[in-house]
C-alpha cells in the first residue's frame, strides 16, 4: 500500500475546513434568504455548512474544540475574522496571493454578526462537554500469533521517518522513501542494495513495464507552493517527467485508452487548493494537464473498469474538507464523467481506501479508513475506523460494516490466512496513546464473510507501531502475504514523552509482520 501522505495528510493537513468559493457563497446567501425561519440557527448551519461538504453532527466534537479551533476556521471561510486570529498564519506572501486568487477567504463577510451568532449558538448548544472513551475496546482484542514482528534498521540516518513503501513483485525488492530525500532498495535476507538521492521526499512508487517511477512531494508539510515532481528512475538516472506538482502524494501510470502511450494520473493533495489531474503525452513527447477535479486533498486513486464497459475508469479519494470518493467513468477516448459515490463528514479524517471484491459477486467494493487527527480537533473520535462499502451496482455503494478504531490511517485487504475471504490489517498514526496504544496496529481476521464478523488481534510490544505507510507483500517468498510498516518517528501533535523518546530512539526503519502460515523457503 502506498503512502499517500497523510498524510501528511495529509498528516499535517486534513482539516475541518469549510471550502467556500465565490460561487458557493453567492448560492448559500440566496438559499439562506429563501429560508423564512424565525431563529435561523439550524437553517444557517444547514445551508452554509452543507454547501460544499457533508453536514457534520454538532455533537461529534466538544464545545471546546468547536469554540477554540473549528469555529474560527469556519468563520474565516465566511469572511469573518476572529480578533487576534490569522487564518493564513505561516503562509508566505506568495502563498497568500494564491489563497486570495482562489477566493478561499471572502474579502467581506457573507453573514451578518447576528447570523453568525445564531449559527454558532446552535452548534455549541448541541456539542457535548467531553467525549467518553469506549472502555469496551480494552477487552476486545486477542494476542496476535499468525504474524511475527521483525524490526529492521535500513538507514543510519535517524530518527526514522519513512514516507513511502512499495514492493516490486517482479524484482522482489522493497522500495523505501524517507524524509531525508533518500530512496533505499531492500531485499529480504540481503538488506539495503542501493541508496538513491532525490530532490524531495518520495511518498509513492510505481512500477510500469520494467520502469520505476517516484512521486516526490516537494514540501512535506502544508503549502500552496507547487514544488513536487514525478520522476522516472532507470539505469541509475533520474528523469523528471512532470513538474511542478502541488504536493503530490499518489500517482498512477496506465495506458487508459489502449493506444500504447501511458497516461499519468496525479493526486495533488495540495493544502487549501489541490486536485486530481490527468497528464496526456502528445506526439512531441510533452505532457499536457487535464484537471479532472480541482478539489484539495486528493490522496489516492486506482485505475479500474467500474461499470463493465471495457473502458478503464479512475477511482479517486479526496480527504480535505469535502471528504469523498469519486468514480471518473471513461465515456470516450480519455473523456471522463465524474460521479461521487461516497461522501463523509469533514471531521471523519478520511485517509485511505482499497478496492476489493469483498463478497465475490464480481463487483468492486471500496474499503475506507477514517482517522486523521492532526489538526484542529485532537480528541478521541468514536466514528474513526474502517468502513466496508459494498457495491450495489450502477455506481451505488452501501456501508455494510464499520469497525471503530481511534486514529486509523492505513488499511490493506488480503486473504492473509488463505481461507477464501478478505482479512484486514490496519495501522493508526493517531491511536489512544494511553491504554489502547497497541491498537496502533490491528489485524482483523474475517470469521464470517456474510455477517461481516471480524476477530481483532494486536501485538503488544515495548515500542508500538508508528507508521504512515502500510504494505502487504510476500516479502520472504514463502507463499503467504506479509505486512510491512515504515517507522515515522515525528508527531504532528502532542504525545507522551516516554513514547516520543522510544519512537525517536528506535533503531529500526521498517517493521515486518511475517506471516507464519507457511515457512520461508530455504
Protein backbone atom coordinates (compact mmCIF):
# COMPACT_ATOMS: atom_id res chain seq x y z
CA UNK A 1 0.00 0.00 0.00
CA UNK A 2 1.38 3.33 -0.92
CA UNK A 3 1.99 6.23 1.24
CA UNK A 4 -0.49 8.96 0.17
CA UNK A 5 0.92 11.19 2.65
CA UNK A 6 -1.28 11.91 5.22
CA UNK A 7 -0.93 12.20 5.36
CA UNK A 8 0.80 14.04 5.62
CA UNK A 9 -2.23 14.50 5.44
CA UNK A 10 -2.30 14.51 4.95
CA UNK A 11 -0.97 14.06 8.16
CA UNK A 12 -0.50 17.52 8.71
CA UNK A 13 -3.33 18.93 6.76
CA UNK A 14 -6.52 17.00 6.83
CA UNK A 15 -8.85 19.60 8.21
CA UNK A 16 -12.35 20.51 9.15
CA UNK A 17 -12.16 23.49 6.79
CA UNK A 18 -15.31 24.58 5.02
CA UNK A 19 -14.18 25.19 1.48
CA UNK A 20 -16.34 28.03 0.20
CA UNK A 21 -15.64 29.62 -3.17
CA UNK A 22 -17.33 32.70 -4.51
CA UNK A 23 -19.97 30.75 -6.42
CA UNK A 24 -20.94 28.68 -3.40
CA UNK A 25 -21.00 31.78 -1.20
CA UNK A 26 -23.45 33.51 -3.54
CA UNK A 27 -25.60 30.36 -3.77
CA UNK A 28 -25.63 29.98 0.01
CA UNK A 29 -26.67 33.60 0.52
CA UNK A 30 -29.53 33.20 -1.93
CA UNK A 31 -30.68 29.96 -0.32
CA UNK A 32 -30.43 31.36 3.19
CA UNK A 33 -32.59 34.35 2.30
CA UNK A 34 -35.19 31.99 0.89
CA UNK A 35 -35.45 30.14 4.18
CA UNK A 36 -38.08 32.02 6.10
CA UNK A 37 -37.27 30.94 9.60
CA UNK A 38 -37.62 32.63 12.96
CA UNK A 39 -34.47 31.57 14.77
CA UNK A 40 -32.38 30.60 11.77
CA UNK A 41 -29.56 28.91 13.66
CA UNK A 42 -30.20 25.42 12.38
CA UNK A 43 -31.11 26.67 8.92
CA UNK A 44 -27.95 28.75 8.66
CA UNK A 45 -25.85 25.80 9.82
CA UNK A 46 -27.51 23.54 7.26
CA UNK A 47 -27.12 25.98 4.38
CA UNK A 48 -23.60 27.22 4.95
CA UNK A 49 -22.01 24.09 6.39
CA UNK A 50 -23.51 21.72 3.83
CA UNK A 51 -22.81 23.87 0.79
CA UNK A 52 -19.62 22.05 -0.08
CA UNK A 53 -19.22 19.07 2.23
CA UNK A 54 -21.35 16.59 4.10
CA UNK A 55 -23.07 18.17 7.10
CA UNK A 56 -21.27 17.26 10.35
CA UNK A 57 -23.10 16.45 13.57
CA UNK A 58 -22.61 19.28 16.09
CA UNK A 59 -22.41 16.61 18.80
CA UNK A 60 -19.43 14.96 17.11
CA UNK A 61 -16.99 17.47 18.63
CA UNK A 62 -16.79 19.04 22.09
CA UNK A 63 -17.76 22.60 22.92
CA UNK A 64 -14.12 23.48 23.49
CA UNK A 65 -12.96 22.07 20.15
CA UNK A 66 -15.72 23.90 18.30
CA UNK A 67 -15.13 27.19 20.09
CA UNK A 68 -11.34 27.34 20.13
CA UNK A 69 -10.37 25.52 16.95
CA UNK A 70 -13.07 24.78 14.38
CA UNK A 71 -15.33 27.82 14.51
CA UNK A 72 -12.52 30.34 13.91
CA UNK A 73 -11.58 28.40 10.77
CA UNK A 74 -15.20 28.24 9.66
CA UNK A 75 -15.64 31.93 10.29
CA UNK A 76 -12.63 32.81 8.17
CA UNK A 77 -14.03 30.80 5.26
CA UNK A 78 -17.11 33.03 5.51
CA UNK A 79 -15.14 36.25 5.62
CA UNK A 80 -15.41 36.69 9.40
CA UNK A 81 -12.03 37.05 11.10
CA UNK A 82 -11.81 36.47 14.84
CA UNK A 83 -9.78 39.02 16.86
CA UNK A 84 -6.08 38.15 17.11
CA UNK A 85 -6.55 35.25 14.68
CA UNK A 86 -4.78 34.99 11.34
CA UNK A 87 -6.20 32.13 9.21
CA UNK A 88 -3.15 32.38 6.92
CA UNK A 89 -0.56 32.31 9.69
CA UNK A 90 2.70 30.79 8.49
CA UNK A 91 1.99 31.30 4.79
CA UNK A 92 4.48 33.19 2.66
CA UNK A 93 3.41 36.25 0.64
CA UNK A 94 3.40 34.04 -2.47
CA UNK A 95 1.09 31.52 -0.78
CA UNK A 96 -1.19 34.27 0.49
CA UNK A 97 -1.51 35.52 -3.08
CA UNK A 98 -2.53 32.02 -4.24
CA UNK A 99 -5.16 31.81 -1.50
CA UNK A 100 -6.53 35.21 -2.48
CA UNK A 101 -6.59 34.31 -6.17
CA UNK A 102 -8.66 31.21 -5.43
CA UNK A 103 -11.17 33.09 -3.26
CA UNK A 104 -10.55 30.80 -0.29
CA UNK A 105 -11.35 33.60 2.17
CA UNK A 106 -14.02 36.11 1.06
CA UNK A 107 -12.96 39.75 1.18
CA UNK A 108 -16.16 40.68 3.02
CA UNK A 109 -18.39 38.67 5.39
CA UNK A 110 -21.14 36.58 3.84
CA UNK A 111 -23.01 36.50 7.14
CA UNK A 112 -24.02 39.28 9.49
CA UNK A 113 -22.72 39.10 13.04
CA UNK A 114 -26.23 38.26 14.22
CA UNK A 115 -26.48 35.36 11.75
CA UNK A 116 -23.05 34.06 12.74
CA UNK A 117 -24.01 34.21 16.42
CA UNK A 118 -27.17 32.20 15.72
CA UNK A 119 -25.21 29.59 13.77
CA UNK A 120 -22.52 29.19 16.44
CA UNK A 121 -25.05 29.15 19.28
CA UNK A 122 -26.87 26.31 17.55
CA UNK A 123 -23.66 24.27 17.26
CA UNK A 124 -22.47 24.92 20.81
CA UNK A 125 -25.89 24.13 22.29
CA UNK A 126 -25.68 20.59 20.86
CA UNK A 127 -21.99 19.91 21.42
CA UNK A 128 -21.02 17.83 24.47
CA UNK A 129 -18.61 19.00 27.16
CA UNK A 130 -16.45 15.90 26.86
CA UNK A 131 -16.13 12.70 24.84
CA UNK A 132 -16.22 9.47 26.82
CA UNK A 133 -13.62 6.86 25.89
CA UNK A 134 -15.03 3.48 24.86
CA UNK A 135 -13.81 1.18 27.64
CA UNK A 136 -15.16 -1.93 25.87
CA UNK A 137 -12.25 -1.72 23.44
CA UNK A 138 -9.85 -2.64 26.24
CA UNK A 139 -11.02 -6.25 26.21
CA UNK A 140 -11.95 -6.89 22.60
CA UNK A 141 -8.50 -7.87 21.23
CA UNK A 142 -6.74 -11.23 21.21
CA UNK A 143 -2.97 -11.70 21.07
CA UNK A 144 -1.66 -11.85 17.50
CA UNK A 145 0.11 -15.14 16.74
CA UNK A 146 -0.36 -15.51 12.98
CA UNK A 147 2.32 -12.87 12.40
CA UNK A 148 5.73 -12.41 13.97
CA UNK A 149 7.10 -8.87 14.13
CA UNK A 150 10.64 -8.28 12.95
CA UNK A 151 12.17 -4.78 13.23
CA UNK A 152 14.90 -3.93 10.74
CA UNK A 153 17.26 -0.97 10.52
CA UNK A 154 17.57 0.25 6.95
CA UNK A 155 19.43 3.54 7.37
CA UNK A 156 21.85 5.05 9.85
CA UNK A 157 20.05 8.36 9.45
CA UNK A 158 17.79 8.96 12.39
CA UNK A 159 15.25 9.22 13.77
CA UNK A 160 13.47 7.06 11.20
CA UNK A 161 11.00 8.98 9.03
CA UNK A 162 9.72 6.65 6.31
CA UNK A 163 7.44 8.42 3.82
CA UNK A 164 6.89 5.75 1.15
CA UNK A 165 6.86 1.96 0.81
CA UNK A 166 6.19 -0.23 -2.22
CA UNK A 167 7.13 -3.82 -3.02
CA UNK A 168 8.08 -4.71 -6.60
CA UNK A 169 6.81 -8.26 -7.16
CA UNK A 170 8.90 -8.68 -10.32
CA UNK A 171 12.27 -7.97 -8.72
CA UNK A 172 11.26 -8.95 -5.15
CA UNK A 173 12.53 -5.59 -3.97
CA UNK A 174 11.12 -3.25 -1.35
CA UNK A 175 11.46 0.42 -2.30
CA UNK A 176 11.63 2.83 0.64
CA UNK A 177 11.40 6.62 0.62
CA UNK A 178 12.27 8.82 3.58
CA UNK A 179 12.11 12.41 4.76
CA UNK A 180 15.85 12.83 4.24
CA UNK A 181 15.46 12.76 0.45
CA UNK A 182 16.64 9.20 0.05
CA UNK A 183 15.25 6.15 -1.70
CA UNK A 184 16.52 2.79 -0.50
CA UNK A 185 16.10 -0.57 -2.20
CA UNK A 186 15.96 -3.51 0.19
CA UNK A 187 15.68 -7.27 -0.16
CA UNK A 188 14.78 -9.86 2.44
CA UNK A 189 17.80 -11.66 3.93
CA UNK A 190 20.09 -9.32 1.99
CA UNK A 191 19.38 -5.81 3.24
CA UNK A 192 19.84 -2.45 1.54
CA UNK A 193 21.12 -2.88 -2.02
CA UNK A 194 21.08 0.73 -3.21
CA UNK A 195 20.71 4.29 -1.90
CA UNK A 196 19.40 6.98 -4.26
CA UNK A 197 19.37 10.73 -3.59
CA UNK A 198 16.19 12.60 -4.58
CA UNK A 199 15.16 16.25 -4.84
CA UNK A 200 12.45 15.88 -2.19
CA UNK A 201 10.89 13.09 -0.11
CA UNK A 202 9.41 10.24 -2.16
CA UNK A 203 5.94 9.27 -0.96
CA UNK A 204 4.83 6.86 -3.67
CA UNK A 205 6.30 4.41 -6.19
CA UNK A 206 5.05 2.99 -9.49
CA UNK A 207 6.39 0.01 -11.41
CA UNK A 208 5.29 0.06 -15.04
CA UNK A 209 6.64 -2.17 -17.81
CA UNK A 210 10.00 -2.58 -16.17
CA UNK A 211 10.33 1.07 -15.18
CA UNK A 212 10.34 2.59 -11.70
CA UNK A 213 8.70 5.94 -11.00
CA UNK A 214 8.93 8.23 -7.97
CA UNK A 215 6.32 10.67 -6.69
CA UNK A 216 8.32 13.43 -4.99
CA UNK A 217 6.11 15.55 -2.78
CA UNK A 218 8.20 18.71 -2.79
CA UNK A 219 7.50 20.15 0.64
CA UNK A 220 6.24 17.57 3.08
CA UNK A 221 4.27 19.98 5.22
CA UNK A 222 1.25 22.05 4.11
CA UNK A 223 1.97 24.58 1.38
CA UNK A 224 0.29 26.26 -1.55
CA UNK A 225 3.55 26.16 -3.49
CA UNK A 226 3.96 23.62 -6.28
CA UNK A 227 7.35 22.05 -5.61
CA UNK A 228 6.66 18.37 -6.33
CA UNK A 229 7.56 16.22 -9.32
CA UNK A 230 7.11 12.83 -10.98
CA UNK A 231 10.38 11.12 -11.88
CA UNK A 232 11.38 8.12 -13.96
CA UNK A 233 14.34 6.28 -12.44
CA UNK A 234 16.20 3.98 -14.81
CA UNK A 235 19.77 2.72 -15.01
CA UNK A 236 20.80 4.93 -12.07
CA UNK A 237 19.50 8.02 -13.87
CA UNK A 238 16.54 10.16 -12.81
CA UNK A 239 14.45 11.89 -15.47
CA UNK A 240 11.77 14.34 -14.42
CA UNK A 241 8.55 13.75 -16.36
CA UNK A 242 6.22 16.20 -14.59
CA UNK A 243 6.83 19.38 -12.63
CA UNK A 244 5.85 21.46 -10.83
CA UNK A 245 3.18 19.49 -8.96
CA UNK A 246 1.23 20.72 -5.92
CA UNK A 247 2.19 18.38 -3.08
CA UNK A 248 1.50 15.15 -4.99
CA UNK A 249 1.01 12.16 -2.68
CA UNK A 250 -0.07 9.39 -5.04
CA UNK A 251 0.29 8.66 -8.75
CA UNK A 252 -0.83 6.01 -11.23
CA UNK A 253 0.68 5.44 -14.67
CA UNK A 254 -1.52 3.48 -17.07
CA UNK A 255 -2.48 3.34 -20.74
CA UNK A 256 -6.08 4.39 -20.19
CA UNK A 257 -7.19 4.35 -23.84
CA UNK A 258 -5.04 1.40 -25.01
CA UNK A 259 -3.16 3.37 -27.65
CA UNK A 260 0.25 2.23 -26.46
CA UNK A 261 1.07 5.53 -24.71
CA UNK A 262 0.55 5.59 -20.93
CA UNK A 263 -1.18 8.47 -19.17
CA UNK A 264 -0.25 9.71 -15.69
CA UNK A 265 -2.87 10.39 -13.00
CA UNK A 266 -1.66 12.59 -10.14
CA UNK A 267 -3.26 13.17 -6.74
CA UNK A 268 -2.18 16.73 -5.93
CA UNK A 269 -3.10 16.81 -2.27
CA UNK A 270 -2.11 20.45 -2.02
CA UNK A 271 -3.30 22.33 1.03
CA UNK A 272 -6.21 24.74 0.69
CA UNK A 273 -6.11 24.15 -3.05
CA UNK A 274 -5.28 20.99 -4.99
CA UNK A 275 -6.88 18.49 -7.32
CA UNK A 276 -6.82 15.31 -9.38
CA UNK A 277 -5.05 15.70 -12.74
CA UNK A 278 -4.65 13.57 -15.84
CA UNK A 279 -1.49 14.13 -17.88
CA UNK A 280 -1.52 13.13 -21.55
CA UNK A 281 1.55 12.77 -23.75
CA UNK A 282 1.35 14.43 -27.15
CA UNK A 283 3.14 13.46 -30.34
CA UNK A 284 6.04 15.76 -29.46
CA UNK A 285 6.57 13.86 -26.22
CA UNK A 286 5.26 16.64 -23.98
CA UNK A 287 2.63 16.19 -21.29
CA UNK A 288 -0.50 18.33 -21.10
CA UNK A 289 -2.63 18.54 -17.97
CA UNK A 290 -6.35 17.91 -17.74
CA UNK A 291 -7.68 18.75 -14.27
CA UNK A 292 -10.37 16.16 -13.60
CA UNK A 293 -11.47 17.73 -10.32
CA UNK A 294 -9.97 20.89 -8.73
CA UNK A 295 -10.52 19.79 -5.14
CA UNK A 296 -7.91 19.84 -2.37
CA UNK A 297 -7.00 16.63 -0.57
CA UNK A 298 -6.71 14.20 -3.49
CA UNK A 299 -4.97 11.39 -1.65
CA UNK A 300 -5.31 8.11 -3.56
CA UNK A 301 -6.57 6.71 -6.85
CA UNK A 302 -6.96 3.44 -8.74
CA UNK A 303 -7.48 2.54 -12.37
CA UNK A 304 -10.33 0.04 -12.68
CA UNK A 305 -13.23 -0.73 -15.03
CA UNK A 306 -16.03 0.04 -12.60
CA UNK A 307 -19.05 -0.33 -14.88
CA UNK A 308 -18.02 -3.31 -17.00
CA UNK A 309 -17.99 -1.46 -20.32
CA UNK A 310 -14.41 -2.44 -21.12
CA UNK A 311 -13.04 1.08 -20.58
CA UNK A 312 -10.60 1.94 -17.80
CA UNK A 313 -12.11 4.23 -15.17
CA UNK A 314 -10.49 6.12 -12.28
CA UNK A 315 -11.50 5.79 -8.62
CA UNK A 316 -10.20 8.67 -6.50
CA UNK A 317 -10.40 9.63 -2.84
CA UNK A 318 -10.42 13.21 -1.56
CA UNK A 319 -9.69 13.81 2.10
CA UNK A 320 -9.56 17.56 2.66
CA UNK A 321 -12.77 19.35 3.61
CA UNK A 322 -15.15 17.60 1.24
CA UNK A 323 -14.19 14.03 2.09
CA UNK A 324 -15.41 11.91 -0.80
CA UNK A 325 -14.77 9.08 -3.23
CA UNK A 326 -15.42 9.73 -6.90
CA UNK A 327 -15.56 7.39 -9.87
CA UNK A 328 -14.44 9.02 -13.12
CA UNK A 329 -16.12 6.89 -15.78
CA UNK A 330 -14.34 6.92 -19.14
CA UNK A 331 -17.07 7.54 -21.70
CA UNK A 332 -14.92 8.23 -24.72
CA UNK A 333 -11.24 8.48 -25.56
CA UNK A 334 -9.84 9.98 -22.32
CA UNK A 335 -13.12 11.78 -21.69
CA UNK A 336 -14.49 11.18 -18.19
CA UNK A 337 -17.76 11.71 -16.36
CA UNK A 338 -17.36 12.12 -12.60
CA UNK A 339 -19.76 10.66 -10.06
CA UNK A 340 -19.39 10.98 -6.30
CA UNK A 341 -20.16 7.55 -4.88
CA UNK A 342 -19.22 8.06 -1.23
CA UNK A 343 -19.20 11.12 1.00
CA UNK A 344 -18.20 11.61 4.63
CA UNK A 345 -18.38 14.47 7.17
CA UNK A 346 -15.18 16.57 7.34
CA UNK A 347 -14.37 15.51 10.90
CA UNK A 348 -14.07 11.84 9.88
CA UNK A 349 -10.45 12.43 8.85
CA UNK A 350 -10.56 10.23 5.76
CA UNK A 351 -7.08 8.87 4.98
CA UNK A 352 -7.07 5.71 2.87
CA UNK A 353 -9.02 3.31 0.69
CA UNK A 354 -8.52 0.00 -1.02
CA UNK A 355 -10.56 -1.76 -3.71
CA UNK A 356 -11.55 -5.40 -3.39
CA UNK A 357 -14.40 -7.71 -4.37
CA UNK A 358 -15.30 -8.45 -0.76
CA UNK A 359 -18.30 -10.71 -1.36
CA UNK A 360 -17.08 -12.32 -4.63
CA UNK A 361 -20.04 -11.09 -6.68
CA UNK A 362 -17.94 -9.65 -9.50
CA UNK A 363 -18.39 -6.04 -8.38
CA UNK A 364 -15.62 -3.90 -6.92
CA UNK A 365 -16.23 -2.80 -3.33
CA UNK A 366 -14.49 0.06 -1.51
CA UNK A 367 -12.92 -0.19 1.94
CA UNK A 368 -12.16 3.18 3.54
CA UNK A 369 -10.15 4.33 6.56
CA UNK A 370 -11.02 7.39 8.65
CA UNK A 371 -8.79 8.56 11.47
CA UNK A 372 -6.64 11.60 10.75
CA UNK A 373 -6.38 13.67 13.91
CA UNK A 374 -3.59 16.09 13.14
CA UNK A 375 -5.17 19.49 13.09
CA UNK A 376 -7.99 21.23 14.89
CA UNK A 377 -9.79 18.54 16.84
CA UNK A 378 -7.30 16.27 18.54
CA UNK A 379 -9.73 14.25 20.61
CA UNK A 380 -10.66 10.57 20.52
CA UNK A 381 -13.46 10.14 18.00
CA UNK A 382 -15.83 7.16 18.18
CA UNK A 383 -16.60 7.45 14.45
CA UNK A 384 -12.97 6.90 13.45
CA UNK A 385 -12.48 3.47 11.95
CA UNK A 386 -12.73 1.16 8.94
CA UNK A 387 -15.79 1.05 6.71
CA UNK A 388 -16.65 -1.61 4.13
CA UNK A 389 -18.81 -0.11 1.38
CA UNK A 390 -20.46 -2.76 -0.78
CA UNK A 391 -21.08 -2.12 -4.46
CA UNK A 392 -24.83 -2.33 -5.20
CA UNK A 393 -24.33 -1.77 -8.93
CA UNK A 394 -24.97 1.35 -11.03
CA UNK A 395 -22.43 3.35 -9.04
CA UNK A 396 -24.23 2.91 -5.73
CA UNK A 397 -22.31 1.85 -2.60
CA UNK A 398 -23.75 0.99 0.80
CA UNK A 399 -21.84 0.87 4.08
CA UNK A 400 -22.28 -2.63 5.45
CA UNK A 401 -19.59 -2.78 8.12
CA UNK A 402 -17.91 -0.34 10.48
CA UNK A 403 -15.04 -1.23 12.78
CA UNK A 404 -14.33 1.57 15.29
CA UNK A 405 -10.61 2.29 15.71
CA UNK A 406 -9.16 5.51 17.07
CA UNK A 407 -6.89 7.34 14.65
CA UNK A 408 -6.69 4.65 11.96
CA UNK A 409 -4.81 5.87 8.89
CA UNK A 410 -3.95 2.84 6.72
CA UNK A 411 -5.72 -0.35 5.66
CA UNK A 412 -4.72 -3.29 3.47
CA UNK A 413 -7.09 -6.09 2.44
CA UNK A 414 -5.87 -9.60 1.63
CA UNK A 415 -6.73 -13.24 2.32
CA UNK A 416 -3.92 -13.47 4.85
CA UNK A 417 -4.97 -16.85 6.28
CA UNK A 418 -5.83 -18.46 2.91
CA UNK A 419 -9.39 -19.43 3.86
CA UNK A 420 -11.11 -17.75 0.93
CA UNK A 421 -12.28 -14.45 2.45
CA UNK A 422 -10.87 -10.95 2.86
CA UNK A 423 -8.97 -10.10 6.05
CA UNK A 424 -7.82 -6.63 7.02
CA UNK A 425 -4.68 -5.14 8.52
CA UNK A 426 -4.85 -1.59 9.86
CA UNK A 427 -2.41 0.92 11.32
CA UNK A 428 -3.26 4.01 13.35
CA UNK A 429 -0.99 7.04 13.46
CA UNK A 430 -3.32 8.71 15.97
CA UNK A 431 -4.38 5.96 18.39
CA UNK A 432 -5.28 6.38 22.01
CA UNK A 433 -1.76 6.99 23.32
CA UNK A 434 -2.74 5.55 26.69
CA UNK A 435 -4.49 2.26 27.36
CA UNK A 436 -5.07 1.42 23.70
CA UNK A 437 -1.64 2.28 22.32
CA UNK A 438 -1.19 -1.27 20.98
CA UNK A 439 -4.13 -0.63 18.65
CA UNK A 440 -1.67 1.30 16.51
CA UNK A 441 -1.62 -1.98 14.56
CA UNK A 442 -4.65 -4.27 14.37
CA UNK A 443 -5.19 -7.45 12.36
CA UNK A 444 -8.84 -8.23 11.63
CA UNK A 445 -9.46 -11.88 10.79
CA UNK A 446 -12.62 -12.42 8.76
CA UNK A 447 -14.53 -15.17 10.60
CA UNK A 448 -17.92 -14.78 8.85
CA UNK A 449 -17.88 -13.05 5.48
CA UNK A 450 -21.66 -12.91 5.07
CA UNK A 451 -22.30 -11.47 8.52
CA UNK A 452 -19.26 -9.15 8.42
CA UNK A 453 -17.77 -10.59 11.58
CA UNK A 454 -14.07 -9.94 12.21
CA UNK A 455 -11.89 -11.01 15.12
CA UNK A 456 -9.35 -8.35 16.15
CA UNK A 457 -5.76 -9.11 17.14
CA UNK A 458 -2.98 -6.90 18.47
CA UNK A 459 0.68 -7.49 19.21
CA UNK A 460 1.90 -5.99 22.48
CA UNK A 461 5.38 -4.55 22.18
CA UNK A 462 7.70 -2.18 24.01
CA UNK A 463 7.77 0.17 21.02
CA UNK A 464 4.33 0.38 19.38
CA UNK A 465 3.96 0.73 15.62
CA UNK A 466 4.06 4.34 14.43
CA UNK A 467 3.66 4.36 10.69
CA UNK A 468 2.29 6.43 7.83
CA UNK A 469 2.80 3.54 5.42
CA UNK A 470 1.46 0.00 5.22
CA UNK A 471 2.23 -2.55 2.51
CA UNK A 472 1.10 -6.15 2.01
CA UNK A 473 3.52 -8.40 0.12
CA UNK A 474 5.06 -11.86 0.22
CA UNK A 475 8.35 -10.36 1.22
CA UNK A 476 10.05 -13.60 2.33
CA UNK A 477 8.84 -15.63 -0.68
CA UNK A 478 7.11 -18.39 1.27
CA UNK A 479 3.72 -18.15 -0.46
CA UNK A 480 1.74 -16.14 2.11
CA UNK A 481 1.24 -12.41 2.45
CA UNK A 482 3.28 -10.45 4.97
CA UNK A 483 2.78 -6.86 6.16
CA UNK A 484 5.36 -4.07 6.20
CA UNK A 485 5.14 -0.77 8.11
CA UNK A 486 7.62 2.10 7.95
CA UNK A 487 8.55 3.86 11.20
CA UNK A 488 7.83 7.61 11.14
CA UNK A 489 9.09 8.99 14.44
CA UNK A 490 7.82 12.55 14.26
CA UNK A 491 4.38 13.51 15.61
CA UNK A 492 2.20 16.40 14.40
CA UNK A 493 0.66 16.76 17.86
CA UNK A 494 1.46 16.14 21.50
CA UNK A 495 2.29 12.58 22.55
CA UNK A 496 3.52 11.23 25.90
CA UNK A 497 7.24 11.94 26.28
CA UNK A 498 8.03 8.31 27.04
CA UNK A 499 6.50 7.19 23.76
CA UNK A 500 8.03 10.07 21.83
CA UNK A 501 11.50 9.15 23.11
CA UNK A 502 11.02 5.50 22.19
CA UNK A 503 9.98 6.27 18.63
CA UNK A 504 12.74 8.79 18.06
CA UNK A 505 15.41 6.49 19.51
CA UNK A 506 14.17 3.31 17.81
CA UNK A 507 16.98 1.52 15.98
CA UNK A 508 14.85 0.37 13.07
CA UNK A 509 13.20 1.81 9.98
CA UNK A 510 10.72 -0.88 8.97
CA UNK A 511 8.67 -3.43 10.88
CA UNK A 512 7.79 -6.62 9.02
CA UNK A 513 4.92 -8.77 10.24
CA UNK A 514 5.97 -12.17 8.90
CA UNK A 515 3.00 -14.41 8.21
CA UNK A 516 3.51 -17.74 9.97
CA UNK A 517 1.03 -19.60 7.75
CA UNK A 518 3.86 -21.10 5.70
CA UNK A 519 7.51 -21.47 6.48
CA UNK A 520 10.02 -19.40 4.49
CA UNK A 521 11.80 -21.10 1.63
CA UNK A 522 15.34 -22.21 2.37
